[in-house]
Amino acid sequence: MVMTYGGPSDWDALTGSGPDAMTPEEITAHFAAMQALQRELTATGELVSGFGLTEPARAQTVELRDGTPVVSDGPYAETKEVLAGFAIFDVADHERALELAARFAAAVATRVEIRPVAE
């Protein structure tokens, strides 16, 4: 699994707001590059699934307190970075997973985390 992360300024840039706002053309090019990579990996059978996530303001956390579910707004982790999306790969070996993770990092211009999925 490859998880993509970004910070609040990344969200602002992709929505065309803030000091580092991307132009509409840059936003279009960013998403076109991601879609091209996803199409390529779908065609090779290596991309099992993947999705971008909505902005952190729409996140909610559900936890049990004394057996009762409690819902709170916002992501669970208090951090400067937020999970922006994920992709599940089915690859021949770890080296190929690292290669694809590097391509995802280049496409989203940020840091990605790679982790095996428990079988």
PDB file of N, CA and C in Angstrom:
ATOM      1  N   MET A   1       0.849  -1.169   0.000  1.00  0.00           N
ATOM      2  CA  MET A   1       0.000   0.000   0.000  1.00  0.00           C
ATOM      3  C   MET A   1       0.892   1.228   0.000  1.00  0.00           C
ATOM      4  N   VAL A   2       0.575   2.170  -0.838  1.00  0.00           N
ATOM      5  CA  VAL A   2       1.261   3.459  -0.859  1.00  0.00           C
ATOM      6  C   VAL A   2       0.272   4.498  -0.350  1.00  0.00           C
ATOM      7  N   MET A   3       0.696   5.238   0.658  1.00  0.00           N
ATOM      8  CA  MET A   3      -0.137   6.303   1.210  1.00  0.00           C
ATOM      9  C   MET A   3       0.525   7.636   0.899  1.00  0.00           C
ATOM     10  N   THR A   4      -0.248   8.557   0.364  1.00  0.00           N
ATOM     11  CA  THR A   4       0.281   9.875   0.029  1.00  0.00           C
ATOM     12  C   THR A   4      -0.119  10.873   1.104  1.00  0.00           C
ATOM     13  N   TYR A   5       0.812  11.720   1.461  1.00  0.00           N
ATOM     14  CA  TYR A   5       0.588  12.704   2.510  1.00  0.00           C
ATOM     15  C   TYR A   5       0.813  14.108   1.980  1.00  0.00           C
ATOM     16  N   GLY A   6       0.180  15.054   2.619  1.00  0.00           N
ATOM     17  CA  GLY A   6       0.390  16.452   2.304  1.00  0.00           C
ATOM     18  C   GLY A   6       0.061  17.288   3.523  1.00  0.00           C
ATOM     19  N   GLY A   7       0.420  18.543   3.457  1.00  0.00           N
ATOM     20  CA  GLY A   7       0.122  19.467   4.539  1.00  0.00           C
ATOM     21  C   GLY A   7      -0.990  20.413   4.143  1.00  0.00           C
ATOM     22  N   PRO A   8      -1.425  21.252   5.064  1.00  0.00           N
ATOM     23  CA  PRO A   8      -2.491  22.206   4.755  1.00  0.00           C
ATOM     24  C   PRO A   8      -2.192  23.087   3.544  1.00  0.00           C
ATOM     25  N   SER A   9      -0.935  23.468   3.383  1.00  0.00           N
ATOM     26  CA  SER A   9      -0.595  24.317   2.230  1.00  0.00           C
ATOM     27  C   SER A   9      -0.755  23.556   0.912  1.00  0.00           C
ATOM     28  N   ASP A  10      -0.552  22.213   0.952  1.00  0.00           N
ATOM     29  CA  ASP A  10      -0.762  21.404  -0.249  1.00  0.00           C
ATOM     30  C   ASP A  10      -2.234  21.418  -0.652  1.00  0.00           C
ATOM     31  N   TRP A  11      -3.121  21.288   0.334  1.00  0.00           N
ATOM     32  CA  TRP A  11      -4.568  21.340   0.050  1.00  0.00           C
ATOM     33  C   TRP A  11      -4.935  22.686  -0.545  1.00  0.00           C
ATOM     34  N   ASP A  12      -4.402  23.771   0.071  1.00  0.00           N
ATOM     35  CA  ASP A  12      -4.696  25.109  -0.436  1.00  0.00           C
ATOM     36  C   ASP A  12      -4.209  25.261  -1.874  1.00  0.00           C
ATOM     37  N   ALA A  13      -2.995  24.776  -2.138  1.00  0.00           N
ATOM     38  CA  ALA A  13      -2.435  24.900  -3.487  1.00  0.00           C
ATOM     39  C   ALA A  13      -3.314  24.193  -4.512  1.00  0.00           C
ATOM     40  N   LEU A  14      -3.813  22.997  -4.169  1.00  0.00           N
ATOM     41  CA  LEU A  14      -4.640  22.224  -5.105  1.00  0.00           C
ATOM     42  C   LEU A  14      -6.036  22.787  -5.283  1.00  0.00           C
ATOM     43  N   THR A  15      -6.452  23.654  -4.362  1.00  0.00           N
ATOM     44  CA  THR A  15      -7.762  24.288  -4.516  1.00  0.00           C
ATOM     45  C   THR A  15      -7.630  25.694  -5.087  1.00  0.00           C
ATOM     46  N   GLY A  16      -6.389  26.082  -5.395  1.00  0.00           N
ATOM     47  CA  GLY A  16      -6.171  27.386  -6.010  1.00  0.00           C
ATOM     48  C   GLY A  16      -6.219  28.541  -5.037  1.00  0.00           C
ATOM     49  N   SER A  17      -6.027  28.272  -3.740  1.00  0.00           N
ATOM     50  CA  SER A  17      -6.039  29.348  -2.748  1.00  0.00           C
ATOM     51  C   SER A  17      -4.729  29.352  -1.977  1.00  0.00           C
ATOM     52  N   GLY A  18      -4.494  30.392  -1.218  1.00  0.00           N
ATOM     53  CA  GLY A  18      -3.286  30.487  -0.402  1.00  0.00           C
ATOM     54  C   GLY A  18      -2.115  31.046  -1.175  1.00  0.00           C
ATOM     55  N   PRO A  19      -1.014  31.291  -0.470  1.00  0.00           N
ATOM     56  CA  PRO A  19       0.146  31.920  -1.103  1.00  0.00           C
ATOM     57  C   PRO A  19       0.837  31.055  -2.152  1.00  0.00           C
ATOM     58  N   ASP A  20       0.709  29.736  -2.038  1.00  0.00           N
ATOM     59  CA  ASP A  20       1.345  28.834  -2.998  1.00  0.00           C
ATOM     60  C   ASP A  20       0.345  28.244  -3.978  1.00  0.00           C
ATOM     61  N   ALA A  21      -0.747  28.958  -4.215  1.00  0.00           N
ATOM     62  CA  ALA A  21      -1.827  28.443  -5.060  1.00  0.00           C
ATOM     63  C   ALA A  21      -1.325  28.070  -6.446  1.00  0.00           C
ATOM     64  N   MET A  22      -1.779  26.919  -6.898  1.00  0.00           N
ATOM     65  CA  MET A  22      -1.482  26.480  -8.259  1.00  0.00           C
ATOM     66  C   MET A  22      -2.461  27.156  -9.205  1.00  0.00           C
ATOM     67  N   THR A  23      -2.026  27.359 -10.419  1.00  0.00           N
ATOM     68  CA  THR A  23      -2.929  27.896 -11.433  1.00  0.00           C
ATOM     69  C   THR A  23      -3.885  26.788 -11.857  1.00  0.00           C
ATOM     70  N   PRO A  24      -5.010  27.141 -12.458  1.00  0.00           N
ATOM     71  CA  PRO A  24      -5.907  26.087 -12.945  1.00  0.00           C
ATOM     72  C   PRO A  24      -5.200  25.116 -13.894  1.00  0.00           C
ATOM     73  N   GLU A  25      -4.276  25.619 -14.707  1.00  0.00           N
ATOM     74  CA  GLU A  25      -3.534  24.758 -15.630  1.00  0.00           C
ATOM     75  C   GLU A  25      -2.623  23.793 -14.869  1.00  0.00           C
ATOM     76  N   GLU A  26      -1.983  24.271 -13.796  1.00  0.00           N
ATOM     77  CA  GLU A  26      -1.118  23.406 -12.987  1.00  0.00           C
ATOM     78  C   GLU A  26      -1.934  22.339 -12.264  1.00  0.00           C
ATOM     79  N   ILE A  27      -3.101  22.707 -11.778  1.00  0.00           N
ATOM     80  CA  ILE A  27      -3.979  21.743 -11.103  1.00  0.00           C
ATOM     81  C   ILE A  27      -4.411  20.669 -12.090  1.00  0.00           C
ATOM     82  N   THR A  28      -4.808  21.078 -13.279  1.00  0.00           N
ATOM     83  CA  THR A  28      -5.218  20.132 -14.319  1.00  0.00           C
ATOM     84  C   THR A  28      -4.065  19.198 -14.674  1.00  0.00           C
ATOM     85  N   ALA A  29      -2.867  19.743 -14.826  1.00  0.00           N
ATOM     86  CA  ALA A  29      -1.692  18.926 -15.166  1.00  0.00           C
ATOM     87  C   ALA A  29      -1.366  17.944 -14.043  1.00  0.00           C
ATOM     88  N   HIS A  30      -1.497  18.382 -12.807  1.00  0.00           N
ATOM     89  CA  HIS A  30      -1.233  17.507 -11.650  1.00  0.00           C
ATOM     90  C   HIS A  30      -2.158  16.295 -11.677  1.00  0.00           C
ATOM     91  N   PHE A  31      -3.448  16.534 -11.822  1.00  0.00           N
ATOM     92  CA  PHE A  31      -4.396  15.425 -11.818  1.00  0.00           C
ATOM     93  C   PHE A  31      -4.275  14.569 -13.080  1.00  0.00           C
ATOM     94  N   ALA A  32      -3.914  15.168 -14.189  1.00  0.00           N
ATOM     95  CA  ALA A  32      -3.713  14.399 -15.423  1.00  0.00           C
ATOM     96  C   ALA A  32      -2.531  13.441 -15.272  1.00  0.00           C
ATOM     97  N   ALA A  33      -1.466  13.896 -14.621  1.00  0.00           N
ATOM     98  CA  ALA A  33      -0.299  13.032 -14.400  1.00  0.00           C
ATOM     99  C   ALA A  33      -0.662  11.860 -13.492  1.00  0.00           C
ATOM    100  N   MET A  34      -1.428  12.121 -12.442  1.00  0.00           N
ATOM    101  CA  MET A  34      -1.849  11.038 -11.551  1.00  0.00           C
ATOM    102  C   MET A  34      -2.746  10.045 -12.289  1.00  0.00           C
ATOM    103  N   GLN A  35      -3.671  10.546 -13.094  1.00  0.00           N
ATOM    104  CA  GLN A  35      -4.574   9.665 -13.834  1.00  0.00           C
ATOM    105  C   GLN A  35      -3.814   8.820 -14.850  1.00  0.00           C
ATOM    106  N   ALA A  36      -2.814   9.407 -15.497  1.00  0.00           N
ATOM    107  CA  ALA A  36      -2.016   8.658 -16.471  1.00  0.00           C
ATOM    108  C   ALA A  36      -1.261   7.520 -15.776  1.00  0.00           C
ATOM    109  N   LEU A  37      -0.683   7.802 -14.616  1.00  0.00           N
ATOM    110  CA  LEU A  37       0.022   6.767 -13.868  1.00  0.00           C
ATOM    111  C   LEU A  37      -0.950   5.673 -13.427  1.00  0.00           C
ATOM    112  N   GLN A  38      -2.116   6.047 -12.970  1.00  0.00           N
ATOM    113  CA  GLN A  38      -3.114   5.058 -12.557  1.00  0.00           C
ATOM    114  C   GLN A  38      -3.582   4.209 -13.735  1.00  0.00           C
ATOM    115  N   ARG A  39      -3.791   4.823 -14.888  1.00  0.00           N
ATOM    116  CA  ARG A  39      -4.193   4.051 -16.085  1.00  0.00           C
ATOM    117  C   ARG A  39      -3.101   3.050 -16.470  1.00  0.00           C
ATOM    118  N   GLU A  40      -1.855   3.498 -16.446  1.00  0.00           N
ATOM    119  CA  GLU A  40      -0.736   2.619 -16.796  1.00  0.00           C
ATOM    120  C   GLU A  40      -0.678   1.412 -15.864  1.00  0.00           C
ATOM    121  N   LEU A  41      -0.779   1.650 -14.570  1.00  0.00           N
ATOM    122  CA  LEU A  41      -0.655   0.562 -13.607  1.00  0.00           C
ATOM    123  C   LEU A  41      -1.897  -0.315 -13.564  1.00  0.00           C
ATOM    124  N   THR A  42      -3.038   0.218 -13.944  1.00  0.00           N
ATOM    125  CA  THR A  42      -4.241  -0.602 -14.086  1.00  0.00           C
ATOM    126  C   THR A  42      -4.068  -1.537 -15.278  1.00  0.00           C
ATOM    127  N   ALA A  43      -3.497  -1.022 -16.361  1.00  0.00           N
ATOM    128  CA  ALA A  43      -3.286  -1.834 -17.562  1.00  0.00           C
ATOM    129  C   ALA A  43      -2.304  -2.980 -17.311  1.00  0.00           C
ATOM    130  N   THR A  44      -1.305  -2.759 -16.449  1.00  0.00           N
ATOM    131  CA  THR A  44      -0.346  -3.830 -16.152  1.00  0.00           C
ATOM    132  C   THR A  44      -0.874  -4.786 -15.085  1.00  0.00           C
ATOM    133  N   GLY A  45      -2.000  -4.438 -14.477  1.00  0.00           N
ATOM    134  CA  GLY A  45      -2.579  -5.263 -13.420  1.00  0.00           C
ATOM    135  C   GLY A  45      -1.953  -5.034 -12.054  1.00  0.00           C
ATOM    136  N   GLU A  46      -1.063  -4.047 -11.939  1.00  0.00           N
ATOM    137  CA  GLU A  46      -0.372  -3.797 -10.673  1.00  0.00           C
ATOM    138  C   GLU A  46      -1.169  -2.912  -9.721  1.00  0.00           C
ATOM    139  N   LEU A  47      -2.041  -2.061 -10.248  1.00  0.00           N
ATOM    140  CA  LEU A  47      -2.857  -1.207  -9.394  1.00  0.00           C
ATOM    141  C   LEU A  47      -4.152  -1.939  -9.079  1.00  0.00           C
ATOM    142  N   VAL A  48      -4.322  -2.305  -7.830  1.00  0.00           N
ATOM    143  CA  VAL A  48      -5.524  -3.007  -7.395  1.00  0.00           C
ATOM    144  C   VAL A  48      -6.627  -1.999  -7.133  1.00  0.00           C
ATOM    145  N   SER A  49      -6.293  -0.917  -6.427  1.00  0.00           N
ATOM    146  CA  SER A  49      -7.267   0.107  -6.077  1.00  0.00           C
ATOM    147  C   SER A  49      -6.519   1.334  -5.609  1.00  0.00           C
ATOM    148  N   GLY A  50      -7.153   2.460  -5.678  1.00  0.00           N
ATOM    149  CA  GLY A  50      -6.550   3.678  -5.165  1.00  0.00           C
ATOM    150  C   GLY A  50      -7.544   4.815  -5.218  1.00  0.00           C
ATOM    151  N   PHE A  51      -7.470   5.667  -4.229  1.00  0.00           N
ATOM    152  CA  PHE A  51      -8.376   6.808  -4.160  1.00  0.00           C
ATOM    153  C   PHE A  51      -7.692   7.983  -3.494  1.00  0.00           C
ATOM    154  N   GLY A  52      -8.060   9.172  -3.934  1.00  0.00           N
ATOM    155  CA  GLY A  52      -7.705  10.379  -3.211  1.00  0.00           C
ATOM    156  C   GLY A  52      -8.766  10.583  -2.143  1.00  0.00           C
ATOM    157  N   LEU A  53      -8.404  11.261  -1.091  1.00  0.00           N
ATOM    158  CA  LEU A  53      -9.337  11.505  -0.007  1.00  0.00           C
ATOM    159  C   LEU A  53      -9.768  12.964   0.012  1.00  0.00           C
ATOM    160  N   THR A  54     -10.891  13.239   0.667  1.00  0.00           N
ATOM    161  CA  THR A  54     -11.357  14.618   0.789  1.00  0.00           C
ATOM    162  C   THR A  54     -10.492  15.366   1.792  1.00  0.00           C
ATOM    163  N   GLU A  55     -10.696  16.661   1.870  1.00  0.00           N
ATOM    164  CA  GLU A  55      -9.904  17.497   2.758  1.00  0.00           C
ATOM    165  C   GLU A  55     -10.106  17.080   4.221  1.00  0.00           C
ATOM    166  N   PRO A  56      -9.088  17.310   5.052  1.00  0.00           N
ATOM    167  CA  PRO A  56      -9.134  16.884   6.449  1.00  0.00           C
ATOM    168  C   PRO A  56     -10.336  17.441   7.223  1.00  0.00           C
ATOM    169  N   ALA A  57     -10.824  18.603   6.833  1.00  0.00           N
ATOM    170  CA  ALA A  57     -11.970  19.191   7.538  1.00  0.00           C
ATOM    171  C   ALA A  57     -13.201  18.295   7.476  1.00  0.00           C
ATOM    172  N   ARG A  58     -13.247  17.379   6.510  1.00  0.00           N
ATOM    173  CA  ARG A  58     -14.392  16.474   6.382  1.00  0.00           C
ATOM    174  C   ARG A  58     -14.191  15.154   7.113  1.00  0.00           C
ATOM    175  N   ALA A  59     -13.027  14.977   7.726  1.00  0.00           N
ATOM    176  CA  ALA A  59     -12.728  13.737   8.441  1.00  0.00           C
ATOM    177  C   ALA A  59     -13.452  13.702   9.786  1.00  0.00           C
ATOM    178  N   GLN A  60     -13.778  12.513  10.217  1.00  0.00           N
ATOM    179  CA  GLN A  60     -14.321  12.302  11.551  1.00  0.00           C
ATOM    180  C   GLN A  60     -13.624  11.096  12.166  1.00  0.00           C
ATOM    181  N   THR A  61     -13.529  11.101  13.467  1.00  0.00           N
ATOM    182  CA  THR A  61     -12.926  10.003  14.201  1.00  0.00           C
ATOM    183  C   THR A  61     -14.009   9.339  15.041  1.00  0.00           C
ATOM    184  N   VAL A  62     -14.030   8.021  15.023  1.00  0.00           N
ATOM    185  CA  VAL A  62     -14.969   7.257  15.846  1.00  0.00           C
ATOM    186  C   VAL A  62     -14.139   6.404  16.793  1.00  0.00           C
ATOM    187  N   GLU A  63     -14.382   6.550  18.065  1.00  0.00           N
ATOM    188  CA  GLU A  63     -13.689   5.726  19.049  1.00  0.00           C
ATOM    189  C   GLU A  63     -14.690   5.245  20.093  1.00  0.00           C
ATOM    190  N   LEU A  64     -14.348   4.139  20.723  1.00  0.00           N
ATOM    191  CA  LEU A  64     -15.204   3.604  21.781  1.00  0.00           C
ATOM    192  C   LEU A  64     -14.738   4.138  23.125  1.00  0.00           C
ATOM    193  N   ARG A  65     -15.680   4.661  23.894  1.00  0.00           N
ATOM    194  CA  ARG A  65     -15.414   5.101  25.264  1.00  0.00           C
ATOM    195  C   ARG A  65     -16.425   4.392  26.162  1.00  0.00           C
ATOM    196  N   ASP A  66     -15.926   3.522  26.984  1.00  0.00           N
ATOM    197  CA  ASP A  66     -16.782   2.709  27.857  1.00  0.00           C
ATOM    198  C   ASP A  66     -17.837   1.967  27.048  1.00  0.00           C
ATOM    199  N   GLY A  67     -17.432   1.467  25.868  1.00  0.00           N
ATOM    200  CA  GLY A  67     -18.336   0.687  25.040  1.00  0.00           C
ATOM    201  C   GLY A  67     -19.288   1.497  24.182  1.00  0.00           C
ATOM    202  N   THR A  68     -19.229   2.820  24.267  1.00  0.00           N
ATOM    203  CA  THR A  68     -20.120   3.691  23.499  1.00  0.00           C
ATOM    204  C   THR A  68     -19.322   4.396  22.408  1.00  0.00           C
ATOM    205  N   PRO A  69     -19.798   4.335  21.149  1.00  0.00           N
ATOM    206  CA  PRO A  69     -19.090   5.058  20.090  1.00  0.00           C
ATOM    207  C   PRO A  69     -19.225   6.572  20.265  1.00  0.00           C
ATOM    208  N   VAL A  70     -18.102   7.251  20.159  1.00  0.00           N
ATOM    209  CA  VAL A  70     -18.074   8.711  20.246  1.00  0.00           C
ATOM    210  C   VAL A  70     -17.467   9.225  18.946  1.00  0.00           C
ATOM    211  N   VAL A  71     -18.193  10.116  18.286  1.00  0.00           N
ATOM    212  CA  VAL A  71     -17.751  10.682  17.010  1.00  0.00           C
ATOM    213  C   VAL A  71     -17.259  12.101  17.240  1.00  0.00           C
ATOM    214  N   SER A  72     -16.070  12.396  16.721  1.00  0.00           N
ATOM    215  CA  SER A  72     -15.554  13.763  16.794  1.00  0.00           C
ATOM    216  C   SER A  72     -15.071  14.176  15.412  1.00  0.00           C
ATOM    217  N   ASP A  73     -15.095  15.469  15.181  1.00  0.00           N
ATOM    218  CA  ASP A  73     -14.666  15.992  13.884  1.00  0.00           C
ATOM    219  C   ASP A  73     -13.153  16.004  13.792  1.00  0.00           C
ATOM    220  N   GLY A  74     -12.668  15.860  12.570  1.00  0.00           N
ATOM    221  CA  GLY A  74     -11.245  15.975  12.305  1.00  0.00           C
ATOM    222  C   GLY A  74     -10.525  14.646  12.309  1.00  0.00           C
ATOM    223  N   PRO A  75      -9.335  14.636  11.734  1.00  0.00           N
ATOM    224  CA  PRO A  75      -8.543  13.397  11.708  1.00  0.00           C
ATOM    225  C   PRO A  75      -8.076  13.037  13.107  1.00  0.00           C
ATOM    226  N   TYR A  76      -7.791  11.772  13.292  1.00  0.00           N
ATOM    227  CA  TYR A  76      -7.364  11.259  14.596  1.00  0.00           C
ATOM    228  C   TYR A  76      -6.030  11.844  15.027  1.00  0.00           C
ATOM    229  N   ALA A  77      -5.066  11.780  14.163  1.00  0.00           N
ATOM    230  CA  ALA A  77      -3.715  12.199  14.530  1.00  0.00           C
ATOM    231  C   ALA A  77      -3.580  13.718  14.474  1.00  0.00           C
ATOM    232  N   GLU A  78      -3.036  14.284  15.515  1.00  0.00           N
ATOM    233  CA  GLU A  78      -2.720  15.709  15.511  1.00  0.00           C
ATOM    234  C   GLU A  78      -1.349  15.856  14.860  1.00  0.00           C
ATOM    235  N   THR A  79      -1.331  16.249  13.618  1.00  0.00           N
ATOM    236  CA  THR A  79      -0.086  16.308  12.870  1.00  0.00           C
ATOM    237  C   THR A  79      -0.167  17.414  11.845  1.00  0.00           C
ATOM    238  N   LYS A  80       0.966  17.815  11.330  1.00  0.00           N
ATOM    239  CA  LYS A  80       0.999  18.839  10.294  1.00  0.00           C
ATOM    240  C   LYS A  80       0.740  18.244   8.924  1.00  0.00           C
ATOM    241  N   GLU A  81       0.846  16.925   8.816  1.00  0.00           N
ATOM    242  CA  GLU A  81       0.588  16.257   7.553  1.00  0.00           C
ATOM    243  C   GLU A  81      -0.676  15.420   7.677  1.00  0.00           C
ATOM    244  N   VAL A  82      -1.353  15.283   6.562  1.00  0.00           N
ATOM    245  CA  VAL A  82      -2.590  14.505   6.554  1.00  0.00           C
ATOM    246  C   VAL A  82      -2.535  13.478   5.439  1.00  0.00           C
ATOM    247  N   LEU A  83      -3.232  12.378   5.649  1.00  0.00           N
ATOM    248  CA  LEU A  83      -3.326  11.346   4.625  1.00  0.00           C
ATOM    249  C   LEU A  83      -4.184  11.882   3.486  1.00  0.00           C
ATOM    250  N   ALA A  84      -3.617  11.953   2.289  1.00  0.00           N
ATOM    251  CA  ALA A  84      -4.309  12.530   1.137  1.00  0.00           C
ATOM    252  C   ALA A  84      -4.915  11.478   0.232  1.00  0.00           C
ATOM    253  N   GLY A  85      -4.374  10.273   0.235  1.00  0.00           N
ATOM    254  CA  GLY A  85      -4.884   9.223  -0.632  1.00  0.00           C
ATOM    255  C   GLY A  85      -4.079   7.964  -0.448  1.00  0.00           C
ATOM    256  N   PHE A  86      -4.483   6.926  -1.171  1.00  0.00           N
ATOM    257  CA  PHE A  86      -3.779   5.660  -1.066  1.00  0.00           C
ATOM    258  C   PHE A  86      -3.936   4.877  -2.359  1.00  0.00           C
ATOM    259  N   ALA A  87      -3.054   3.919  -2.549  1.00  0.00           N
ATOM    260  CA  ALA A  87      -3.124   2.994  -3.674  1.00  0.00           C
ATOM    261  C   ALA A  87      -2.663   1.628  -3.194  1.00  0.00           C
ATOM    262  N   ILE A  88      -3.333   0.606  -3.663  1.00  0.00           N
ATOM    263  CA  ILE A  88      -2.963  -0.769  -3.345  1.00  0.00           C
ATOM    264  C   ILE A  88      -2.365  -1.380  -4.608  1.00  0.00           C
ATOM    265  N   PHE A  89      -1.151  -1.917  -4.479  1.00  0.00           N
ATOM    266  CA  PHE A  89      -0.474  -2.561  -5.595  1.00  0.00           C
ATOM    267  C   PHE A  89      -0.419  -4.062  -5.388  1.00  0.00           C
ATOM    268  N   ASP A  90      -0.390  -4.779  -6.483  1.00  0.00           N
ATOM    269  CA  ASP A  90      -0.116  -6.215  -6.468  1.00  0.00           C
ATOM    270  C   ASP A  90       1.091  -6.396  -7.374  1.00  0.00           C
ATOM    271  N   VAL A  91       2.263  -6.492  -6.767  1.00  0.00           N
ATOM    272  CA  VAL A  91       3.509  -6.514  -7.528  1.00  0.00           C
ATOM    273  C   VAL A  91       4.303  -7.774  -7.235  1.00  0.00           C
ATOM    274  N   ALA A  92       5.269  -8.035  -8.092  1.00  0.00           N
ATOM    275  CA  ALA A  92       6.071  -9.260  -7.988  1.00  0.00           C
ATOM    276  C   ALA A  92       6.968  -9.272  -6.760  1.00  0.00           C
ATOM    277  N   ASP A  93       7.492  -8.085  -6.376  1.00  0.00           N
ATOM    278  CA  ASP A  93       8.427  -8.066  -5.255  1.00  0.00           C
ATOM    279  C   ASP A  93       8.510  -6.671  -4.647  1.00  0.00           C
ATOM    280  N   HIS A  94       9.249  -6.588  -3.553  1.00  0.00           N
ATOM    281  CA  HIS A  94       9.383  -5.333  -2.812  1.00  0.00           C
ATOM    282  C   HIS A  94      10.073  -4.253  -3.648  1.00  0.00           C
ATOM    283  N   GLU A  95      11.039  -4.648  -4.447  1.00  0.00           N
ATOM    284  CA  GLU A  95      11.753  -3.671  -5.278  1.00  0.00           C
ATOM    285  C   GLU A  95      10.794  -2.963  -6.239  1.00  0.00           C
ATOM    286  N   ARG A  96       9.869  -3.724  -6.836  1.00  0.00           N
ATOM    287  CA  ARG A  96       8.892  -3.113  -7.743  1.00  0.00           C
ATOM    288  C   ARG A  96       7.974  -2.174  -6.961  1.00  0.00           C
ATOM    289  N   ALA A  97       7.591  -2.557  -5.758  1.00  0.00           N
ATOM    290  CA  ALA A  97       6.748  -1.686  -4.932  1.00  0.00           C
ATOM    291  C   ALA A  97       7.463  -0.363  -4.643  1.00  0.00           C
ATOM    292  N   LEU A  98       8.747  -0.427  -4.345  1.00  0.00           N
ATOM    293  CA  LEU A  98       9.519   0.788  -4.096  1.00  0.00           C
ATOM    294  C   LEU A  98       9.619   1.652  -5.352  1.00  0.00           C
ATOM    295  N   GLU A  99       9.793   1.008  -6.497  1.00  0.00           N
ATOM    296  CA  GLU A  99       9.855   1.733  -7.770  1.00  0.00           C
ATOM    297  C   GLU A  99       8.552   2.491  -8.011  1.00  0.00           C
ATOM    298  N   LEU A 100       7.423   1.819  -7.799  1.00  0.00           N
ATOM    299  CA  LEU A 100       6.123   2.471  -8.012  1.00  0.00           C
ATOM    300  C   LEU A 100       5.871   3.555  -6.976  1.00  0.00           C
ATOM    301  N   ALA A 101       6.305   3.328  -5.747  1.00  0.00           N
ATOM    302  CA  ALA A 101       6.151   4.353  -4.708  1.00  0.00           C
ATOM    303  C   ALA A 101       6.915   5.618  -5.093  1.00  0.00           C
ATOM    304  N   ALA A 102       8.101   5.449  -5.660  1.00  0.00           N
ATOM    305  CA  ALA A 102       8.888   6.605  -6.097  1.00  0.00           C
ATOM    306  C   ALA A 102       8.172   7.359  -7.209  1.00  0.00           C
ATOM    307  N   ARG A 103       7.522   6.638  -8.097  1.00  0.00           N
ATOM    308  CA  ARG A 103       6.771   7.290  -9.176  1.00  0.00           C
ATOM    309  C   ARG A 103       5.567   8.053  -8.618  1.00  0.00           C
ATOM    310  N   PHE A 104       4.907   7.468  -7.623  1.00  0.00           N
ATOM    311  CA  PHE A 104       3.791   8.176  -6.995  1.00  0.00           C
ATOM    312  C   PHE A 104       4.286   9.431  -6.289  1.00  0.00           C
ATOM    313  N   ALA A 105       5.402   9.332  -5.586  1.00  0.00           N
ATOM    314  CA  ALA A 105       5.966  10.493  -4.902  1.00  0.00           C
ATOM    315  C   ALA A 105       6.279  11.599  -5.901  1.00  0.00           C
ATOM    316  N   ALA A 106       6.820  11.230  -7.045  1.00  0.00           N
ATOM    317  CA  ALA A 106       7.129  12.225  -8.080  1.00  0.00           C
ATOM    318  C   ALA A 106       5.857  12.836  -8.647  1.00  0.00           C
ATOM    319  N   ALA A 107       4.822  12.019  -8.823  1.00  0.00           N
ATOM    320  CA  ALA A 107       3.570  12.514  -9.408  1.00  0.00           C
ATOM    321  C   ALA A 107       2.838  13.464  -8.474  1.00  0.00           C
ATOM    322  N   VAL A 108       2.896  13.211  -7.182  1.00  0.00           N
ATOM    323  CA  VAL A 108       2.181  14.078  -6.245  1.00  0.00           C
ATOM    324  C   VAL A 108       3.087  15.125  -5.626  1.00  0.00           C
ATOM    325  N   ALA A 109       4.363  15.079  -5.962  1.00  0.00           N
ATOM    326  CA  ALA A 109       5.354  16.053  -5.493  1.00  0.00           C
ATOM    327  C   ALA A 109       5.361  16.161  -3.969  1.00  0.00           C
ATOM    328  N   THR A 110       5.304  15.023  -3.325  1.00  0.00           N
ATOM    329  CA  THR A 110       5.322  15.011  -1.868  1.00  0.00           C
ATOM    330  C   THR A 110       5.835  13.670  -1.379  1.00  0.00           C
ATOM    331  N   ARG A 111       5.722  13.459  -0.117  1.00  0.00           N
ATOM    332  CA  ARG A 111       6.197  12.226   0.516  1.00  0.00           C
ATOM    333  C   ARG A 111       5.107  11.165   0.470  1.00  0.00           C
ATOM    334  N   VAL A 112       5.531   9.942   0.235  1.00  0.00           N
ATOM    335  CA  VAL A 112       4.608   8.809   0.318  1.00  0.00           C
ATOM    336  C   VAL A 112       5.174   7.793   1.297  1.00  0.00           C
ATOM    337  N   GLU A 113       4.294   7.003   1.851  1.00  0.00           N
ATOM    338  CA  GLU A 113       4.697   5.923   2.746  1.00  0.00           C
ATOM    339  C   GLU A 113       4.290   4.619   2.089  1.00  0.00           C
ATOM    340  N   ILE A 114       5.162   3.621   2.185  1.00  0.00           N
ATOM    341  CA  ILE A 114       4.842   2.319   1.620  1.00  0.00           C
ATOM    342  C   ILE A 114       4.800   1.309   2.763  1.00  0.00           C
ATOM    343  N   ARG A 115       3.787   0.467   2.730  1.00  0.00           N
ATOM    344  CA  ARG A 115       3.632  -0.521   3.804  1.00  0.00           C
ATOM    345  C   ARG A 115       2.947  -1.754   3.243  1.00  0.00           C
ATOM    346  N   PRO A 116       3.449  -2.955   3.583  1.00  0.00           N
ATOM    347  CA  PRO A 116       2.763  -4.157   3.145  1.00  0.00           C
ATOM    348  C   PRO A 116       1.381  -4.263   3.783  1.00  0.00           C
ATOM    349  N   VAL A 117       0.457  -4.834   3.042  1.00  0.00           N
ATOM    350  CA  VAL A 117      -0.883  -5.107   3.572  1.00  0.00           C
ATOM    351  C   VAL A 117      -0.844  -6.492   4.209  1.00  0.00           C
ATOM    352  N   ALA A 118      -1.389  -6.603   5.397  1.00  0.00           N
ATOM    353  CA  ALA A 118      -1.403  -7.905   6.075  1.00  0.00           C
ATOM    354  C   ALA A 118      -2.290  -8.864   5.303  1.00  0.00           C
ATOM    355  N   GLU A 119      -1.813 -10.084   5.167  1.00  0.00           N
ATOM    356  CA  GLU A 119      -2.584 -11.082   4.417  1.00  0.00           C
ATOM    357  C   GLU A 119      -3.444 -11.903   5.339  1.00  0.00           C
TER     358      GLU A 119
END
